[in-house]
Amino acid sequence: MARNEISKEIEIELDEKTGMGQYANLSIISHSTSEFVLDFVRMMPGMPKAKVKSRVILSPEHAKRLLLSLDENIERYEAVLGPIALPSPQTEEAEIAMSLINGEA
């Protein structure tokens, strides 16, 4: 049997609280030799502090798979709904994000 003919089914459980998700408008990515750490942060306008709402730790292989999957999904999204505009890096939100990343906040 060829590899692509093998059917694998995985049952994934999603409880109600997790299913509600967490809103984040900033992500900070760091890595070591063995893992990538993705911190998802919620920044609020006019607030001097931002809070990490979720942290996901991935192996390098899974981080790369996530990158490829996001790229594929963004391409599909933009094919239907048009390009996703990115704000210029000079916006207030970008300046706040950079100050957080650089430890200036």
N, C-alpha and C. Protein backbone atom coordinates (compact mmCIF):
# COMPACT_ATOMS: atom_id res chain seq x y z
N MET A 1 0.85 -1.18 0.00
CA MET A 1 0.00 0.00 0.00
C MET A 1 0.89 1.24 0.00
N ALA A 2 0.65 2.16 -0.89
CA ALA A 2 1.42 3.39 -0.96
C ALA A 2 1.16 4.26 0.27
N ARG A 3 2.17 5.04 0.62
CA ARG A 3 2.08 5.88 1.83
C ARG A 3 0.86 6.79 1.81
N ASN A 4 0.54 7.39 0.67
CA ASN A 4 -0.59 8.32 0.61
C ASN A 4 -1.94 7.63 0.67
N GLU A 5 -1.95 6.30 0.59
CA GLU A 5 -3.20 5.56 0.67
C GLU A 5 -3.56 5.18 2.10
N ILE A 6 -2.60 5.32 3.01
CA ILE A 6 -2.85 4.98 4.41
C ILE A 6 -3.70 6.08 5.03
N SER A 7 -4.81 5.68 5.61
CA SER A 7 -5.71 6.65 6.22
C SER A 7 -5.48 6.66 7.73
N LYS A 8 -5.19 7.84 8.27
CA LYS A 8 -5.02 8.01 9.71
C LYS A 8 -6.07 8.97 10.20
N GLU A 9 -6.78 8.55 11.23
CA GLU A 9 -7.77 9.44 11.83
C GLU A 9 -7.35 9.73 13.26
N ILE A 10 -7.41 10.97 13.62
CA ILE A 10 -7.07 11.40 14.97
C ILE A 10 -8.30 12.07 15.55
N GLU A 11 -8.70 11.62 16.71
CA GLU A 11 -9.81 12.26 17.40
C GLU A 11 -9.24 13.37 18.29
N ILE A 12 -9.69 14.59 18.04
CA ILE A 12 -9.21 15.74 18.79
C ILE A 12 -10.36 16.28 19.64
N GLU A 13 -10.10 16.42 20.92
CA GLU A 13 -11.12 16.93 21.84
C GLU A 13 -10.85 18.41 22.12
N LEU A 14 -11.90 19.20 22.09
CA LEU A 14 -11.79 20.63 22.35
C LEU A 14 -12.84 21.00 23.38
N ASP A 15 -12.37 21.31 24.61
CA ASP A 15 -13.34 21.68 25.64
C ASP A 15 -13.84 23.10 25.39
N GLU A 16 -14.94 23.46 26.04
CA GLU A 16 -15.61 24.74 25.78
C GLU A 16 -14.71 25.94 26.07
N LYS A 17 -13.99 25.92 27.19
CA LYS A 17 -13.13 27.05 27.55
C LYS A 17 -12.02 27.26 26.52
N THR A 18 -11.37 26.18 26.12
CA THR A 18 -10.32 26.29 25.11
C THR A 18 -10.90 26.71 23.77
N GLY A 19 -12.08 26.20 23.47
CA GLY A 19 -12.75 26.53 22.21
C GLY A 19 -13.08 28.01 22.07
N MET A 20 -13.24 28.69 23.20
CA MET A 20 -13.51 30.13 23.17
C MET A 20 -12.29 30.92 22.71
N GLY A 21 -11.11 30.35 22.87
CA GLY A 21 -9.88 30.97 22.39
C GLY A 21 -9.45 32.16 23.23
N GLN A 22 -8.30 32.70 22.87
CA GLN A 22 -7.74 33.90 23.48
C GLN A 22 -7.41 34.87 22.37
N TYR A 23 -7.79 36.13 22.54
CA TYR A 23 -7.44 37.15 21.55
C TYR A 23 -6.02 37.63 21.82
N ALA A 24 -5.21 37.74 20.79
CA ALA A 24 -3.86 38.28 20.89
C ALA A 24 -3.62 39.16 19.68
N ASN A 25 -2.95 40.29 19.91
CA ASN A 25 -2.62 41.18 18.80
C ASN A 25 -1.11 41.41 18.68
N LEU A 26 -0.35 40.56 19.36
CA LEU A 26 1.10 40.61 19.27
C LEU A 26 1.62 39.21 19.58
N SER A 27 2.61 38.77 18.84
CA SER A 27 3.26 37.52 19.19
C SER A 27 4.76 37.77 19.28
N ILE A 28 5.37 37.09 20.22
CA ILE A 28 6.82 37.18 20.42
C ILE A 28 7.35 35.75 20.28
N ILE A 29 8.33 35.59 19.41
CA ILE A 29 8.87 34.27 19.14
C ILE A 29 10.33 34.24 19.55
N SER A 30 10.67 33.23 20.35
CA SER A 30 12.07 33.02 20.73
C SER A 30 12.39 31.55 20.53
N HIS A 31 13.67 31.21 20.58
CA HIS A 31 14.04 29.82 20.36
C HIS A 31 15.33 29.46 21.06
N SER A 32 15.50 28.18 21.28
CA SER A 32 16.76 27.59 21.74
C SER A 32 17.14 26.55 20.70
N THR A 33 18.13 25.76 21.00
CA THR A 33 18.53 24.72 20.04
C THR A 33 17.48 23.63 19.91
N SER A 34 16.60 23.48 20.90
CA SER A 34 15.66 22.37 20.90
C SER A 34 14.19 22.75 20.84
N GLU A 35 13.87 24.06 20.91
CA GLU A 35 12.45 24.43 20.91
C GLU A 35 12.24 25.87 20.47
N PHE A 36 11.03 26.12 19.98
CA PHE A 36 10.57 27.47 19.67
C PHE A 36 9.47 27.79 20.67
N VAL A 37 9.50 29.02 21.19
CA VAL A 37 8.49 29.46 22.16
C VAL A 37 7.72 30.61 21.52
N LEU A 38 6.40 30.44 21.41
CA LEU A 38 5.52 31.47 20.86
C LEU A 38 4.68 32.02 22.00
N ASP A 39 4.88 33.29 22.32
CA ASP A 39 4.06 33.96 23.31
C ASP A 39 3.06 34.83 22.58
N PHE A 40 1.78 34.67 22.93
CA PHE A 40 0.71 35.46 22.33
C PHE A 40 0.26 36.47 23.37
N VAL A 41 0.31 37.74 22.99
CA VAL A 41 0.13 38.86 23.91
C VAL A 41 -1.07 39.69 23.50
N ARG A 42 -1.77 40.22 24.49
CA ARG A 42 -2.85 41.16 24.23
C ARG A 42 -2.40 42.53 24.71
N MET A 43 -2.27 43.45 23.74
CA MET A 43 -1.93 44.85 24.06
C MET A 43 -3.19 45.68 23.94
N MET A 44 -3.41 46.56 24.90
CA MET A 44 -4.57 47.43 24.86
C MET A 44 -4.09 48.88 24.71
N PRO A 45 -4.75 49.67 23.87
CA PRO A 45 -4.34 51.07 23.67
C PRO A 45 -4.34 51.82 25.00
N GLY A 46 -3.29 52.60 25.21
CA GLY A 46 -3.21 53.44 26.40
C GLY A 46 -2.80 52.71 27.67
N MET A 47 -2.59 51.41 27.57
CA MET A 47 -2.20 50.64 28.75
C MET A 47 -0.68 50.44 28.72
N PRO A 48 -0.01 50.71 29.84
CA PRO A 48 1.45 50.61 29.86
C PRO A 48 1.98 49.16 29.90
N LYS A 49 1.12 48.21 30.24
CA LYS A 49 1.55 46.82 30.31
C LYS A 49 0.74 45.97 29.35
N ALA A 50 1.38 44.92 28.86
CA ALA A 50 0.70 43.94 28.03
C ALA A 50 0.85 42.60 28.71
N LYS A 51 -0.12 41.71 28.53
CA LYS A 51 -0.11 40.43 29.22
C LYS A 51 -0.03 39.27 28.22
N VAL A 52 0.85 38.32 28.52
CA VAL A 52 0.91 37.10 27.73
C VAL A 52 -0.36 36.31 28.04
N LYS A 53 -1.14 36.03 27.01
CA LYS A 53 -2.39 35.29 27.19
C LYS A 53 -2.21 33.80 26.95
N SER A 54 -1.19 33.44 26.17
CA SER A 54 -0.97 32.03 25.88
C SER A 54 0.48 31.83 25.45
N ARG A 55 1.04 30.69 25.81
CA ARG A 55 2.39 30.33 25.38
C ARG A 55 2.32 28.94 24.76
N VAL A 56 2.93 28.81 23.58
CA VAL A 56 2.98 27.52 22.91
C VAL A 56 4.45 27.20 22.67
N ILE A 57 4.86 25.99 23.06
CA ILE A 57 6.24 25.56 22.89
C ILE A 57 6.25 24.43 21.86
N LEU A 58 7.08 24.61 20.83
CA LEU A 58 7.13 23.66 19.71
C LEU A 58 8.54 23.16 19.47
N SER A 59 8.63 21.94 18.97
CA SER A 59 9.92 21.45 18.49
C SER A 59 10.24 22.21 17.20
N PRO A 60 11.52 22.27 16.81
CA PRO A 60 11.85 22.95 15.55
C PRO A 60 11.09 22.39 14.35
N GLU A 61 10.90 21.07 14.30
CA GLU A 61 10.16 20.46 13.19
C GLU A 61 8.72 20.95 13.17
N HIS A 62 8.08 20.98 14.32
CA HIS A 62 6.69 21.43 14.36
C HIS A 62 6.57 22.93 14.09
N ALA A 63 7.57 23.71 14.50
CA ALA A 63 7.57 25.13 14.18
C ALA A 63 7.62 25.34 12.67
N LYS A 64 8.43 24.56 11.99
CA LYS A 64 8.52 24.68 10.54
C LYS A 64 7.22 24.25 9.87
N ARG A 65 6.60 23.18 10.39
CA ARG A 65 5.30 22.75 9.86
C ARG A 65 4.24 23.84 10.05
N LEU A 66 4.28 24.51 11.20
CA LEU A 66 3.35 25.61 11.46
C LEU A 66 3.58 26.74 10.45
N LEU A 67 4.83 27.09 10.21
CA LEU A 67 5.17 28.13 9.24
C LEU A 67 4.59 27.79 7.86
N LEU A 68 4.81 26.57 7.40
CA LEU A 68 4.31 26.16 6.08
C LEU A 68 2.79 26.15 6.03
N SER A 69 2.17 25.70 7.11
CA SER A 69 0.70 25.66 7.16
C SER A 69 0.12 27.07 7.17
N LEU A 70 0.71 27.97 7.94
CA LEU A 70 0.24 29.36 7.95
C LEU A 70 0.39 29.99 6.56
N ASP A 71 1.53 29.76 5.92
CA ASP A 71 1.76 30.30 4.59
C ASP A 71 0.69 29.81 3.61
N GLU A 72 0.41 28.52 3.65
CA GLU A 72 -0.60 27.95 2.76
C GLU A 72 -1.98 28.54 3.03
N ASN A 73 -2.33 28.69 4.30
CA ASN A 73 -3.64 29.23 4.65
C ASN A 73 -3.77 30.71 4.32
N ILE A 74 -2.70 31.47 4.48
CA ILE A 74 -2.73 32.89 4.10
C ILE A 74 -2.89 33.03 2.59
N GLU A 75 -2.22 32.19 1.83
CA GLU A 75 -2.38 32.21 0.36
C GLU A 75 -3.83 31.94 -0.02
N ARG A 76 -4.45 30.95 0.61
CA ARG A 76 -5.86 30.64 0.31
C ARG A 76 -6.77 31.81 0.69
N TYR A 77 -6.54 32.39 1.86
CA TYR A 77 -7.33 33.53 2.34
C TYR A 77 -7.25 34.68 1.34
N GLU A 78 -6.01 35.03 0.96
CA GLU A 78 -5.81 36.17 0.06
C GLU A 78 -6.35 35.89 -1.35
N ALA A 79 -6.36 34.64 -1.77
CA ALA A 79 -6.91 34.30 -3.08
C ALA A 79 -8.41 34.60 -3.12
N VAL A 80 -9.08 34.46 -1.99
CA VAL A 80 -10.53 34.69 -1.93
C VAL A 80 -10.86 36.13 -1.53
N LEU A 81 -10.14 36.65 -0.54
CA LEU A 81 -10.52 37.94 0.06
C LEU A 81 -9.58 39.09 -0.26
N GLY A 82 -8.51 38.83 -0.99
CA GLY A 82 -7.56 39.88 -1.33
C GLY A 82 -6.42 39.96 -0.33
N PRO A 83 -5.42 40.76 -0.68
CA PRO A 83 -4.23 40.86 0.16
C PRO A 83 -4.52 41.37 1.57
N ILE A 84 -3.80 40.85 2.52
CA ILE A 84 -3.87 41.33 3.89
C ILE A 84 -2.89 42.49 4.00
N ALA A 85 -3.40 43.66 4.32
CA ALA A 85 -2.56 44.85 4.43
C ALA A 85 -1.85 44.85 5.78
N LEU A 86 -0.58 45.13 5.76
CA LEU A 86 0.19 45.27 7.00
C LEU A 86 0.41 46.76 7.26
N PRO A 87 0.22 47.20 8.51
CA PRO A 87 0.45 48.60 8.82
C PRO A 87 1.93 48.94 8.70
N SER A 88 2.19 50.21 8.46
CA SER A 88 3.59 50.61 8.38
C SER A 88 4.22 50.44 9.76
N PRO A 89 5.53 50.18 9.81
CA PRO A 89 6.17 49.95 11.10
C PRO A 89 6.21 51.20 11.99
N GLN A 90 5.76 52.32 11.49
CA GLN A 90 5.81 53.54 12.27
C GLN A 90 4.53 53.79 13.08
N THR A 91 3.61 52.85 13.07
CA THR A 91 2.38 53.02 13.83
C THR A 91 2.66 52.94 15.32
N GLU A 92 1.78 53.51 16.11
CA GLU A 92 1.93 53.49 17.57
C GLU A 92 2.01 52.06 18.09
N GLU A 93 1.17 51.18 17.55
CA GLU A 93 1.17 49.79 18.00
C GLU A 93 2.53 49.14 17.74
N ALA A 94 3.11 49.42 16.57
CA ALA A 94 4.42 48.84 16.25
C ALA A 94 5.50 49.38 17.18
N GLU A 95 5.43 50.66 17.50
CA GLU A 95 6.42 51.24 18.41
C GLU A 95 6.29 50.62 19.80
N ILE A 96 5.07 50.43 20.27
CA ILE A 96 4.86 49.81 21.58
C ILE A 96 5.37 48.38 21.56
N ALA A 97 5.04 47.64 20.49
CA ALA A 97 5.49 46.25 20.39
C ALA A 97 7.01 46.17 20.40
N MET A 98 7.68 47.04 19.65
CA MET A 98 9.13 47.01 19.61
C MET A 98 9.73 47.37 20.97
N SER A 99 9.10 48.30 21.70
CA SER A 99 9.63 48.64 23.01
C SER A 99 9.48 47.46 23.97
N LEU A 100 8.38 46.70 23.84
CA LEU A 100 8.21 45.51 24.67
C LEU A 100 9.26 44.46 24.34
N ILE A 101 9.47 44.25 23.06
CA ILE A 101 10.44 43.24 22.62
C ILE A 101 11.84 43.62 23.07
N ASN A 102 12.16 44.90 23.04
CA ASN A 102 13.49 45.36 23.42
C ASN A 102 13.63 45.60 24.92
N GLY A 103 12.59 45.31 25.69
CA GLY A 103 12.65 45.46 27.14
C GLY A 103 12.65 46.89 27.63
N GLU A 104 12.09 47.79 26.84
CA GLU A 104 12.08 49.21 27.21
C GLU A 104 10.81 49.61 27.94
N ALA A 105 9.81 48.75 27.97
CA ALA A 105 8.53 49.10 28.59
C ALA A 105 8.59 48.91 30.09
